Full PDB file with SEQRES, HELIX, SHEET, SSBOND, CRYST1, ORIGX, SCALE, CONECT and MASTER records, all heavy atoms in Angstrom:
SEQRES   1 A   36  VAL GLY ARG ASP PRO ALA ILE ARG TYR VAL GLU LYS ARG          
SEQRES   2 A   36  PRO MET ALA ALA PHE SER LEU ALA THR THR GLU THR PHE          
SEQRES   3 A   36  ILE PRO SER GLY ALA THR GLU PRO VAL LYS                      
SHEET    1 AA1 2 ALA A   6  VAL A  10  0                                        
SHEET    2 AA1 2 ARG A  13  ALA A  17 -1                                        
CRYST1    1.000    1.000    1.000  90.00  90.00  90.00 P 1           1          
ORIGX1      1.000000  0.000000  0.000000        0.00000                         
ORIGX2      0.000000  1.000000  0.000000        0.00000                         
ORIGX3      0.000000  0.000000  1.000000        0.00000                         
SCALE1      1.000000  0.000000  0.000000        0.00000                         
SCALE2      0.000000  1.000000  0.000000        0.00000                         
SCALE3      0.000000  0.000000  1.000000        0.00000                         
ATOM      1  N   VAL A   1       4.302 -59.379 -10.902  1.00  0.00           N  
ATOM      2  CA  VAL A   1       3.295 -59.499  -9.847  1.00  0.00           C  
ATOM      3  C   VAL A   1       3.970 -59.239  -8.502  1.00  0.00           C  
ATOM      4  O   VAL A   1       5.014 -59.802  -8.192  1.00  0.00           O  
ATOM      5  CB  VAL A   1       2.640 -60.890  -9.895  1.00  0.00           C  
ATOM      6  CG1 VAL A   1       1.690 -61.092  -8.720  1.00  0.00           C  
ATOM      7  CG2 VAL A   1       1.927 -61.091 -11.223  1.00  0.00           C  
ATOM      8  N   GLY A   2       3.356 -58.390  -7.688  1.00  0.00           N  
ATOM      9  CA  GLY A   2       3.930 -58.005  -6.400  1.00  0.00           C  
ATOM     10  C   GLY A   2       3.535 -58.895  -5.238  1.00  0.00           C  
ATOM     11  O   GLY A   2       4.217 -58.926  -4.223  1.00  0.00           O  
ATOM     12  N   ARG A   3       2.420 -59.601  -5.364  1.00  0.00           N  
ATOM     13  CA  ARG A   3       1.975 -60.506  -4.298  1.00  0.00           C  
ATOM     14  C   ARG A   3       1.076 -61.566  -4.924  1.00  0.00           C  
ATOM     15  O   ARG A   3       0.475 -61.343  -5.974  1.00  0.00           O  
ATOM     16  CB  ARG A   3       1.243 -59.772  -3.190  1.00  0.00           C  
ATOM     17  CG  ARG A   3      -0.010 -59.043  -3.621  1.00  0.00           C  
ATOM     18  CD  ARG A   3      -0.700 -58.341  -2.451  1.00  0.00           C  
ATOM     19  NE  ARG A   3      -1.642 -57.341  -2.900  1.00  0.00           N  
ATOM     20  CZ  ARG A   3      -2.892 -57.588  -3.260  1.00  0.00           C  
ATOM     21  NH1 ARG A   3      -3.368 -58.816  -3.208  1.00  0.00           N  
ATOM     22  NH2 ARG A   3      -3.687 -56.611  -3.656  1.00  0.00           N  
ATOM     23  N   ASP A   4       1.012 -62.726  -4.277  1.00  0.00           N  
ATOM     24  CA  ASP A   4       0.129 -63.775  -4.772  1.00  0.00           C  
ATOM     25  C   ASP A   4      -1.304 -63.264  -4.855  1.00  0.00           C  
ATOM     26  O   ASP A   4      -1.739 -62.482  -3.983  1.00  0.00           O  
ATOM     27  CB  ASP A   4       0.163 -64.988  -3.835  1.00  0.00           C  
ATOM     28  CG  ASP A   4       1.469 -65.768  -3.919  1.00  0.00           C  
ATOM     29  OD1 ASP A   4       2.295 -65.464  -4.803  1.00  0.00           O  
ATOM     30  OD2 ASP A   4       1.631 -66.684  -3.110  1.00  0.00           O  
ATOM     31  N   PRO A   5      -2.056 -63.683  -5.861  1.00  0.00           N  
ATOM     32  CA  PRO A   5      -3.440 -63.235  -5.975  1.00  0.00           C  
ATOM     33  C   PRO A   5      -4.288 -63.622  -4.756  1.00  0.00           C  
ATOM     34  O   PRO A   5      -4.172 -64.738  -4.243  1.00  0.00           O  
ATOM     35  CB  PRO A   5      -3.956 -63.955  -7.227  1.00  0.00           C  
ATOM     36  CG  PRO A   5      -2.722 -64.277  -8.004  1.00  0.00           C  
ATOM     37  CD  PRO A   5      -1.665 -64.534  -6.980  1.00  0.00           C  
ATOM     38  N   ALA A   6      -5.100 -62.696  -4.313  1.00  0.00           N  
ATOM     39  CA  ALA A   6      -6.084 -62.973  -3.260  1.00  0.00           C  
ATOM     40  C   ALA A   6      -7.379 -63.348  -3.979  1.00  0.00           C  
ATOM     41  O   ALA A   6      -7.881 -62.596  -4.818  1.00  0.00           O  
ATOM     42  CB  ALA A   6      -6.298 -61.739  -2.391  1.00  0.00           C  
ATOM     43  N   ILE A   7      -7.909 -64.517  -3.669  1.00  0.00           N  
ATOM     44  CA  ILE A   7      -9.102 -65.025  -4.345  1.00  0.00           C  
ATOM     45  C   ILE A   7     -10.290 -64.904  -3.402  1.00  0.00           C  
ATOM     46  O   ILE A   7     -10.208 -65.249  -2.228  1.00  0.00           O  
ATOM     47  CB  ILE A   7      -8.933 -66.508  -4.743  1.00  0.00           C  
ATOM     48  CG1 ILE A   7      -7.648 -66.723  -5.540  1.00  0.00           C  
ATOM     49  CG2 ILE A   7     -10.160 -67.008  -5.509  1.00  0.00           C  
ATOM     50  CD1 ILE A   7      -7.556 -65.970  -6.835  1.00  0.00           C  
ATOM     51  N   ARG A   8     -11.390 -64.379  -3.928  1.00  0.00           N  
ATOM     52  CA  ARG A   8     -12.637 -64.376  -3.171  1.00  0.00           C  
ATOM     53  C   ARG A   8     -13.782 -64.556  -4.151  1.00  0.00           C  
ATOM     54  O   ARG A   8     -13.584 -64.502  -5.363  1.00  0.00           O  
ATOM     55  CB  ARG A   8     -12.806 -63.127  -2.323  1.00  0.00           C  
ATOM     56  CG  ARG A   8     -12.648 -61.846  -3.022  1.00  0.00           C  
ATOM     57  CD  ARG A   8     -12.868 -60.700  -2.082  1.00  0.00           C  
ATOM     58  NE  ARG A   8     -13.600 -59.721  -2.858  1.00  0.00           N  
ATOM     59  CZ  ARG A   8     -13.677 -58.467  -2.617  1.00  0.00           C  
ATOM     60  NH1 ARG A   8     -13.107 -57.984  -1.553  1.00  0.00           N  
ATOM     61  NH2 ARG A   8     -14.339 -57.666  -3.386  1.00  0.00           N  
ATOM     62  N   TYR A   9     -14.953 -64.794  -3.617  1.00  0.00           N  
ATOM     63  CA  TYR A   9     -16.121 -65.046  -4.446  1.00  0.00           C  
ATOM     64  C   TYR A   9     -17.155 -63.970  -4.203  1.00  0.00           C  
ATOM     65  O   TYR A   9     -17.502 -63.671  -3.069  1.00  0.00           O  
ATOM     66  CB  TYR A   9     -16.688 -66.445  -4.164  1.00  0.00           C  
ATOM     67  CG  TYR A   9     -15.751 -67.515  -4.663  1.00  0.00           C  
ATOM     68  CD1 TYR A   9     -14.681 -67.936  -3.903  1.00  0.00           C  
ATOM     69  CD2 TYR A   9     -15.926 -68.068  -5.931  1.00  0.00           C  
ATOM     70  CE1 TYR A   9     -13.791 -68.895  -4.374  1.00  0.00           C  
ATOM     71  CE2 TYR A   9     -15.047 -69.031  -6.413  1.00  0.00           C  
ATOM     72  CZ  TYR A   9     -13.996 -69.430  -5.624  1.00  0.00           C  
ATOM     73  OH  TYR A   9     -13.112 -70.359  -6.101  1.00  0.00           O  
ATOM     74  N   VAL A  10     -17.621 -63.371  -5.287  1.00  0.00           N  
ATOM     75  CA  VAL A  10     -18.639 -62.335  -5.236  1.00  0.00           C  
ATOM     76  C   VAL A  10     -19.846 -62.886  -5.989  1.00  0.00           C  
ATOM     77  O   VAL A  10     -19.775 -63.109  -7.202  1.00  0.00           O  
ATOM     78  CB  VAL A  10     -18.144 -61.019  -5.876  1.00  0.00           C  
ATOM     79  CG1 VAL A  10     -19.231 -59.962  -5.831  1.00  0.00           C  
ATOM     80  CG2 VAL A  10     -16.875 -60.538  -5.209  1.00  0.00           C  
ATOM     81  N   GLU A  11     -20.909 -63.160  -5.254  1.00  0.00           N  
ATOM     82  CA  GLU A  11     -22.114 -63.765  -5.839  1.00  0.00           C  
ATOM     83  C   GLU A  11     -21.749 -65.008  -6.668  1.00  0.00           C  
ATOM     84  O   GLU A  11     -22.142 -65.160  -7.812  1.00  0.00           O  
ATOM     85  CB  GLU A  11     -22.888 -62.754  -6.663  1.00  0.00           C  
ATOM     86  CG  GLU A  11     -23.392 -61.583  -5.819  1.00  0.00           C  
ATOM     87  CD  GLU A  11     -24.102 -60.512  -6.653  1.00  0.00           C  
ATOM     88  OE1 GLU A  11     -24.281 -60.722  -7.867  1.00  0.00           O  
ATOM     89  OE2 GLU A  11     -24.458 -59.505  -6.061  1.00  0.00           O  
ATOM     90  N   LYS A  12     -20.929 -65.872  -6.072  1.00  0.00           N  
ATOM     91  CA  LYS A  12     -20.483 -67.139  -6.637  1.00  0.00           C  
ATOM     92  C   LYS A  12     -19.522 -66.999  -7.817  1.00  0.00           C  
ATOM     93  O   LYS A  12     -19.152 -67.979  -8.437  1.00  0.00           O  
ATOM     94  CB  LYS A  12     -21.666 -68.023  -7.032  1.00  0.00           C  
ATOM     95  CG  LYS A  12     -22.521 -68.406  -5.842  1.00  0.00           C  
ATOM     96  CD  LYS A  12     -23.593 -69.376  -6.247  1.00  0.00           C  
ATOM     97  CE  LYS A  12     -24.440 -69.728  -5.027  1.00  0.00           C  
ATOM     98  NZ  LYS A  12     -25.482 -70.695  -5.327  1.00  0.00           N  
ATOM     99  N   ARG A  13     -19.109 -65.772  -8.140  1.00  0.00           N  
ATOM    100  CA  ARG A  13     -18.136 -65.548  -9.224  1.00  0.00           C  
ATOM    101  C   ARG A  13     -16.747 -65.384  -8.604  1.00  0.00           C  
ATOM    102  O   ARG A  13     -16.559 -64.562  -7.711  1.00  0.00           O  
ATOM    103  CB  ARG A  13     -18.471 -64.277 -10.001  1.00  0.00           C  
ATOM    104  CG  ARG A  13     -19.713 -64.368 -10.839  1.00  0.00           C  
ATOM    105  CD  ARG A  13     -20.003 -63.054 -11.530  1.00  0.00           C  
ATOM    106  NE  ARG A  13     -18.919 -62.695 -12.453  1.00  0.00           N  
ATOM    107  CZ  ARG A  13     -18.719 -61.466 -12.909  1.00  0.00           C  
ATOM    108  NH1 ARG A  13     -19.485 -60.466 -12.527  1.00  0.00           N  
ATOM    109  NH2 ARG A  13     -17.730 -61.219 -13.740  1.00  0.00           N  
ATOM    110  N   PRO A  14     -15.736 -66.131  -9.090  1.00  0.00           N  
ATOM    111  CA  PRO A  14     -14.386 -65.945  -8.550  1.00  0.00           C  
ATOM    112  C   PRO A  14     -13.779 -64.623  -9.004  1.00  0.00           C  
ATOM    113  O   PRO A  14     -13.977 -64.189 -10.146  1.00  0.00           O  
ATOM    114  CB  PRO A  14     -13.612 -67.128  -9.139  1.00  0.00           C  
ATOM    115  CG  PRO A  14     -14.361 -67.538 -10.347  1.00  0.00           C  
ATOM    116  CD  PRO A  14     -15.799 -67.178 -10.107  1.00  0.00           C  
ATOM    117  N   MET A  15     -13.079 -63.984  -8.077  1.00  0.00           N  
ATOM    118  CA  MET A  15     -12.389 -62.736  -8.361  1.00  0.00           C  
ATOM    119  C   MET A  15     -10.977 -62.834  -7.779  1.00  0.00           C  
ATOM    120  O   MET A  15     -10.801 -63.234  -6.631  1.00  0.00           O  
ATOM    121  CB  MET A  15     -13.107 -61.547  -7.735  1.00  0.00           C  
ATOM    122  CG  MET A  15     -12.449 -60.220  -8.071  1.00  0.00           C  
ATOM    123  SD  MET A  15     -13.024 -58.871  -7.050  1.00  0.00           S  
ATOM    124  CE  MET A  15     -11.914 -59.060  -5.675  1.00  0.00           C  
ATOM    125  N   ALA A  16      -9.985 -62.487  -8.569  1.00  0.00           N  
ATOM    126  CA  ALA A  16      -8.590 -62.470  -8.113  1.00  0.00           C  
ATOM    127  C   ALA A  16      -8.114 -61.024  -8.103  1.00  0.00           C  
ATOM    128  O   ALA A  16      -8.377 -60.271  -9.037  1.00  0.00           O  
ATOM    129  CB  ALA A  16      -7.716 -63.307  -9.039  1.00  0.00           C  
ATOM    130  N   ALA A  17      -7.423 -60.644  -7.032  1.00  0.00           N  
ATOM    131  CA  ALA A  17      -6.872 -59.287  -6.926  1.00  0.00           C  
ATOM    132  C   ALA A  17      -5.421 -59.389  -6.507  1.00  0.00           C  
ATOM    133  O   ALA A  17      -5.064 -60.177  -5.629  1.00  0.00           O  
ATOM    134  CB  ALA A  17      -7.663 -58.471  -5.905  1.00  0.00           C  
ATOM    135  N   PHE A  18      -4.570 -58.595  -7.161  1.00  0.00           N  
ATOM    136  CA  PHE A  18      -3.153 -58.580  -6.830  1.00  0.00           C  
ATOM    137  C   PHE A  18      -2.543 -57.283  -7.355  1.00  0.00           C  
ATOM    138  O   PHE A  18      -3.192 -56.529  -8.075  1.00  0.00           O  
ATOM    139  CB  PHE A  18      -2.420 -59.806  -7.393  1.00  0.00           C  
ATOM    140  CG  PHE A  18      -2.562 -59.990  -8.882  1.00  0.00           C  
ATOM    141  CD1 PHE A  18      -1.624 -59.466  -9.753  1.00  0.00           C  
ATOM    142  CD2 PHE A  18      -3.622 -60.703  -9.410  1.00  0.00           C  
ATOM    143  CE1 PHE A  18      -1.730 -59.639 -11.121  1.00  0.00           C  
ATOM    144  CE2 PHE A  18      -3.757 -60.882 -10.772  1.00  0.00           C  
ATOM    145  CZ  PHE A  18      -2.811 -60.346 -11.628  1.00  0.00           C  
ATOM    146  N   SER A  19      -1.297 -57.039  -6.984  1.00  0.00           N  
ATOM    147  CA  SER A  19      -0.610 -55.838  -7.460  1.00  0.00           C  
ATOM    148  C   SER A  19       0.379 -56.214  -8.559  1.00  0.00           C  
ATOM    149  O   SER A  19       0.883 -57.333  -8.602  1.00  0.00           O  
ATOM    150  CB  SER A  19       0.135 -55.165  -6.310  1.00  0.00           C  
ATOM    151  OG  SER A  19       1.050 -56.058  -5.726  1.00  0.00           O  
ATOM    152  N   LEU A  20       0.607 -55.269  -9.463  1.00  0.00           N  
ATOM    153  CA  LEU A  20       1.552 -55.453 -10.558  1.00  0.00           C  
ATOM    154  C   LEU A  20       2.472 -54.242 -10.598  1.00  0.00           C  
ATOM    155  O   LEU A  20       1.993 -53.097 -10.542  1.00  0.00           O  
ATOM    156  CB  LEU A  20       0.806 -55.585 -11.888  1.00  0.00           C  
ATOM    157  CG  LEU A  20       1.670 -55.920 -13.101  1.00  0.00           C  
ATOM    158  CD1 LEU A  20       1.933 -57.424 -13.133  1.00  0.00           C  
ATOM    159  CD2 LEU A  20       1.010 -55.473 -14.383  1.00  0.00           C  
ATOM    160  N   ALA A  21       3.763 -54.486 -10.661  1.00  0.00           N  
ATOM    161  CA  ALA A  21       4.755 -53.399 -10.709  1.00  0.00           C  
ATOM    162  C   ALA A  21       5.238 -53.225 -12.141  1.00  0.00           C  
ATOM    163  O   ALA A  21       5.587 -54.200 -12.813  1.00  0.00           O  
ATOM    164  CB  ALA A  21       5.930 -53.731  -9.803  1.00  0.00           C  
ATOM    165  N   THR A  22       5.242 -51.983 -12.606  1.00  0.00           N  
ATOM    166  CA  THR A  22       5.871 -51.645 -13.883  1.00  0.00           C  
ATOM    167  C   THR A  22       6.998 -50.673 -13.567  1.00  0.00           C  
ATOM    168  O   THR A  22       6.828 -49.766 -12.748  1.00  0.00           O  
ATOM    169  CB  THR A  22       4.874 -51.008 -14.863  1.00  0.00           C  
ATOM    170  OG1 THR A  22       4.281 -49.852 -14.270  1.00  0.00           O  
ATOM    171  CG2 THR A  22       3.780 -51.992 -15.244  1.00  0.00           C  
ATOM    172  N   THR A  23       8.140 -50.878 -14.208  1.00  0.00           N  
ATOM    173  CA  THR A  23       9.308 -50.052 -13.925  1.00  0.00           C  
ATOM    174  C   THR A  23       9.827 -49.451 -15.218  1.00  0.00           C  
ATOM    175  O   THR A  23       9.971 -50.158 -16.223  1.00  0.00           O  
ATOM    176  CB  THR A  23      10.414 -50.886 -13.260  1.00  0.00           C  
ATOM    177  OG1 THR A  23       9.885 -51.460 -12.061  1.00  0.00           O  
ATOM    178  CG2 THR A  23      11.621 -50.044 -12.912  1.00  0.00           C  
ATOM    179  N   GLU A  24      10.085 -48.156 -15.181  1.00  0.00           N  
ATOM    180  CA  GLU A  24      10.690 -47.495 -16.331  1.00  0.00           C  
ATOM    181  C   GLU A  24      12.044 -46.933 -15.912  1.00  0.00           C  
ATOM    182  O   GLU A  24      12.234 -46.540 -14.752  1.00  0.00           O  
ATOM    183  CB  GLU A  24       9.799 -46.378 -16.880  1.00  0.00           C  
ATOM    184  CG  GLU A  24       9.600 -45.212 -15.942  1.00  0.00           C  
ATOM    185  CD  GLU A  24       8.794 -44.096 -16.563  1.00  0.00           C  
ATOM    186  OE1 GLU A  24       9.028 -43.733 -17.730  1.00  0.00           O  
ATOM    187  OE2 GLU A  24       7.937 -43.560 -15.862  1.00  0.00           O  
ATOM    188  N   THR A  25      12.974 -46.937 -16.833  1.00  0.00           N  
ATOM    189  CA  THR A  25      14.297 -46.396 -16.583  1.00  0.00           C  
ATOM    190  C   THR A  25      14.497 -45.199 -17.505  1.00  0.00           C  
ATOM    191  O   THR A  25      14.209 -45.289 -18.701  1.00  0.00           O  
ATOM    192  CB  THR A  25      15.384 -47.459 -16.873  1.00  0.00           C  
ATOM    193  OG1 THR A  25      15.113 -48.598 -16.049  1.00  0.00           O  
ATOM    194  CG2 THR A  25      16.768 -46.941 -16.548  1.00  0.00           C  
ATOM    195  N   PHE A  26      14.958 -44.104 -16.946  1.00  0.00           N  
ATOM    196  CA  PHE A  26      15.182 -42.899 -17.749  1.00  0.00           C  
ATOM    197  C   PHE A  26      16.349 -42.112 -17.161  1.00  0.00           C  
ATOM    198  O   PHE A  26      16.758 -42.330 -16.026  1.00  0.00           O  
ATOM    199  CB  PHE A  26      13.925 -42.040 -17.815  1.00  0.00           C  
ATOM    200  CG  PHE A  26      13.470 -41.528 -16.474  1.00  0.00           C  
ATOM    201  CD1 PHE A  26      13.826 -40.253 -16.037  1.00  0.00           C  
ATOM    202  CD2 PHE A  26      12.703 -42.327 -15.632  1.00  0.00           C  
ATOM    203  CE1 PHE A  26      13.413 -39.789 -14.790  1.00  0.00           C  
ATOM    204  CE2 PHE A  26      12.286 -41.873 -14.393  1.00  0.00           C  
ATOM    205  CZ  PHE A  26      12.645 -40.605 -13.972  1.00  0.00           C  
ATOM    206  N   ILE A  27      16.869 -41.186 -17.948  1.00  0.00           N  
ATOM    207  CA  ILE A  27      17.935 -40.300 -17.483  1.00  0.00           C  
ATOM    208  C   ILE A  27      17.357 -38.895 -17.421  1.00  0.00           C  
ATOM    209  O   ILE A  27      16.994 -38.327 -18.449  1.00  0.00           O  
ATOM    210  CB  ILE A  27      19.159 -40.348 -18.423  1.00  0.00           C  
ATOM    211  CG1 ILE A  27      19.727 -41.765 -18.457  1.00  0.00           C  
ATOM    212  CG2 ILE A  27      20.215 -39.341 -17.974  1.00  0.00           C  
ATOM    213  CD1 ILE A  27      20.869 -41.961 -19.426  1.00  0.00           C  
ATOM    214  N   PRO A  28      17.218 -38.354 -16.210  1.00  0.00           N  
ATOM    215  CA  PRO A  28      16.668 -37.003 -16.075  1.00  0.00           C  
ATOM    216  C   PRO A  28      17.584 -35.977 -16.757  1.00  0.00           C  
ATOM    217  O   PRO A  28      18.797 -36.202 -16.877  1.00  0.00           O  
ATOM    218  CB  PRO A  28      16.642 -36.751 -14.559  1.00  0.00           C  
ATOM    219  CG  PRO A  28      16.829 -38.085 -13.933  1.00  0.00           C  
ATOM    220  CD  PRO A  28      17.538 -38.939 -14.921  1.00  0.00           C  
ATOM    221  N   SER A  29      17.018 -34.879 -17.211  1.00  0.00           N  
ATOM    222  CA  SER A  29      17.833 -33.853 -17.860  1.00  0.00           C  
ATOM    223  C   SER A  29      18.880 -33.340 -16.874  1.00  0.00           C  
ATOM    224  O   SER A  29      18.610 -33.108 -15.706  1.00  0.00           O  
ATOM    225  CB  SER A  29      16.963 -32.698 -18.357  1.00  0.00           C  
ATOM    226  OG  SER A  29      16.285 -32.105 -17.291  1.00  0.00           O  
ATOM    227  N   GLY A  30      20.097 -33.212 -17.359  1.00  0.00           N  
ATOM    228  CA  GLY A  30      21.198 -32.739 -16.531  1.00  0.00           C  
ATOM    229  C   GLY A  30      21.869 -33.827 -15.713  1.00  0.00           C  
ATOM    230  O   GLY A  30      22.856 -33.577 -15.038  1.00  0.00           O  
ATOM    231  N   ALA A  31      21.360 -35.058 -15.763  1.00  0.00           N  
ATOM    232  CA  ALA A  31      21.952 -36.157 -14.985  1.00  0.00           C  
ATOM    233  C   ALA A  31      22.699 -37.092 -15.925  1.00  0.00           C  
ATOM    234  O   ALA A  31      22.480 -37.085 -17.134  1.00  0.00           O  
ATOM    235  CB  ALA A  31      20.872 -36.910 -14.228  1.00  0.00           C  
ATOM    236  N   THR A  32      23.577 -37.879 -15.360  1.00  0.00           N  
ATOM    237  CA  THR A  32      24.311 -38.857 -16.170  1.00  0.00           C  
ATOM    238  C   THR A  32      23.942 -40.284 -15.823  1.00  0.00           C  
ATOM    239  O   THR A  32      24.176 -41.192 -16.599  1.00  0.00           O  
ATOM    240  CB  THR A  32      25.833 -38.670 -15.972  1.00  0.00           C  
ATOM    241  OG1 THR A  32      26.126 -38.809 -14.588  1.00  0.00           O  
ATOM    242  CG2 THR A  32      26.284 -37.316 -16.480  1.00  0.00           C  
ATOM    243  N   GLU A  33      23.379 -40.494 -14.650  1.00  0.00           N  
ATOM    244  CA  GLU A  33      23.008 -41.844 -14.208  1.00  0.00           C  
ATOM    245  C   GLU A  33      21.520 -42.094 -14.454  1.00  0.00           C  
ATOM    246  O   GLU A  33      20.685 -41.226 -14.189  1.00  0.00           O  
ATOM    247  CB  GLU A  33      23.299 -42.007 -12.717  1.00  0.00           C  
ATOM    248  CG  GLU A  33      24.767 -41.948 -12.359  1.00  0.00           C  
ATOM    249  CD  GLU A  33      25.565 -43.083 -12.978  1.00  0.00           C  
ATOM    250  OE1 GLU A  33      25.075 -44.235 -12.959  1.00  0.00           O  
ATOM    251  OE2 GLU A  33      26.652 -42.812 -13.503  1.00  0.00           O  
ATOM    252  N   PRO A  34      21.178 -43.289 -14.933  1.00  0.00           N  
ATOM    253  CA  PRO A  34      19.769 -43.610 -15.124  1.00  0.00           C  
ATOM    254  C   PRO A  34      19.037 -43.760 -13.784  1.00  0.00           C  
ATOM    255  O   PRO A  34      19.632 -44.147 -12.783  1.00  0.00           O  
ATOM    256  CB  PRO A  34      19.791 -44.935 -15.884  1.00  0.00           C  
ATOM    257  CG  PRO A  34      21.158 -45.482 -15.697  1.00  0.00           C  
ATOM    258  CD  PRO A  34      22.067 -44.351 -15.362  1.00  0.00           C  
ATOM    259  N   VAL A  35      17.769 -43.437 -13.812  1.00  0.00           N  
ATOM    260  CA  VAL A  35      16.907 -43.541 -12.633  1.00  0.00           C  
ATOM    261  C   VAL A  35      15.784 -44.521 -12.964  1.00  0.00           C  
ATOM    262  O   VAL A  35      15.242 -44.499 -14.066  1.00  0.00           O  
ATOM    263  CB  VAL A  35      16.309 -42.157 -12.277  1.00  0.00           C  
ATOM    264  CG1 VAL A  35      15.293 -42.271 -11.158  1.00  0.00           C  
ATOM    265  CG2 VAL A  35      17.408 -41.181 -11.923  1.00  0.00           C  
ATOM    266  N   LYS A  36      15.463 -45.384 -12.013  1.00  0.00           N  
ATOM    267  CA  LYS A  36      14.343 -46.310 -12.185  1.00  0.00           C  
ATOM    268  C   LYS A  36      13.151 -45.806 -11.373  1.00  0.00           C  
ATOM    269  O   LYS A  36      13.300 -45.390 -10.236  1.00  0.00           O  
ATOM    270  CB  LYS A  36      14.711 -47.714 -11.726  1.00  0.00           C  
ATOM    271  CG  LYS A  36      15.642 -48.425 -12.639  1.00  0.00           C  
ATOM    272  CD  LYS A  36      15.823 -49.876 -12.215  1.00  0.00           C  
ATOM    273  CE  LYS A  36      16.721 -50.583 -13.222  1.00  0.00           C  
ATOM    274  NZ  LYS A  36      16.807 -52.011 -12.932  1.00  0.00           N  
TER     275      LYS A  36                                                      
MASTER        0    0    0    0    2    0    0    6  274    1    0    3          
END                                                                             
């Protein structure tokens, strides 16, 4: 999670919004060091 959820109410229904980070590590062709 990138930030605490922001909570608001839409027609009395709670809604939470936040960001999520996914990270992949790979080695590009021709390179020797991994890249994230």
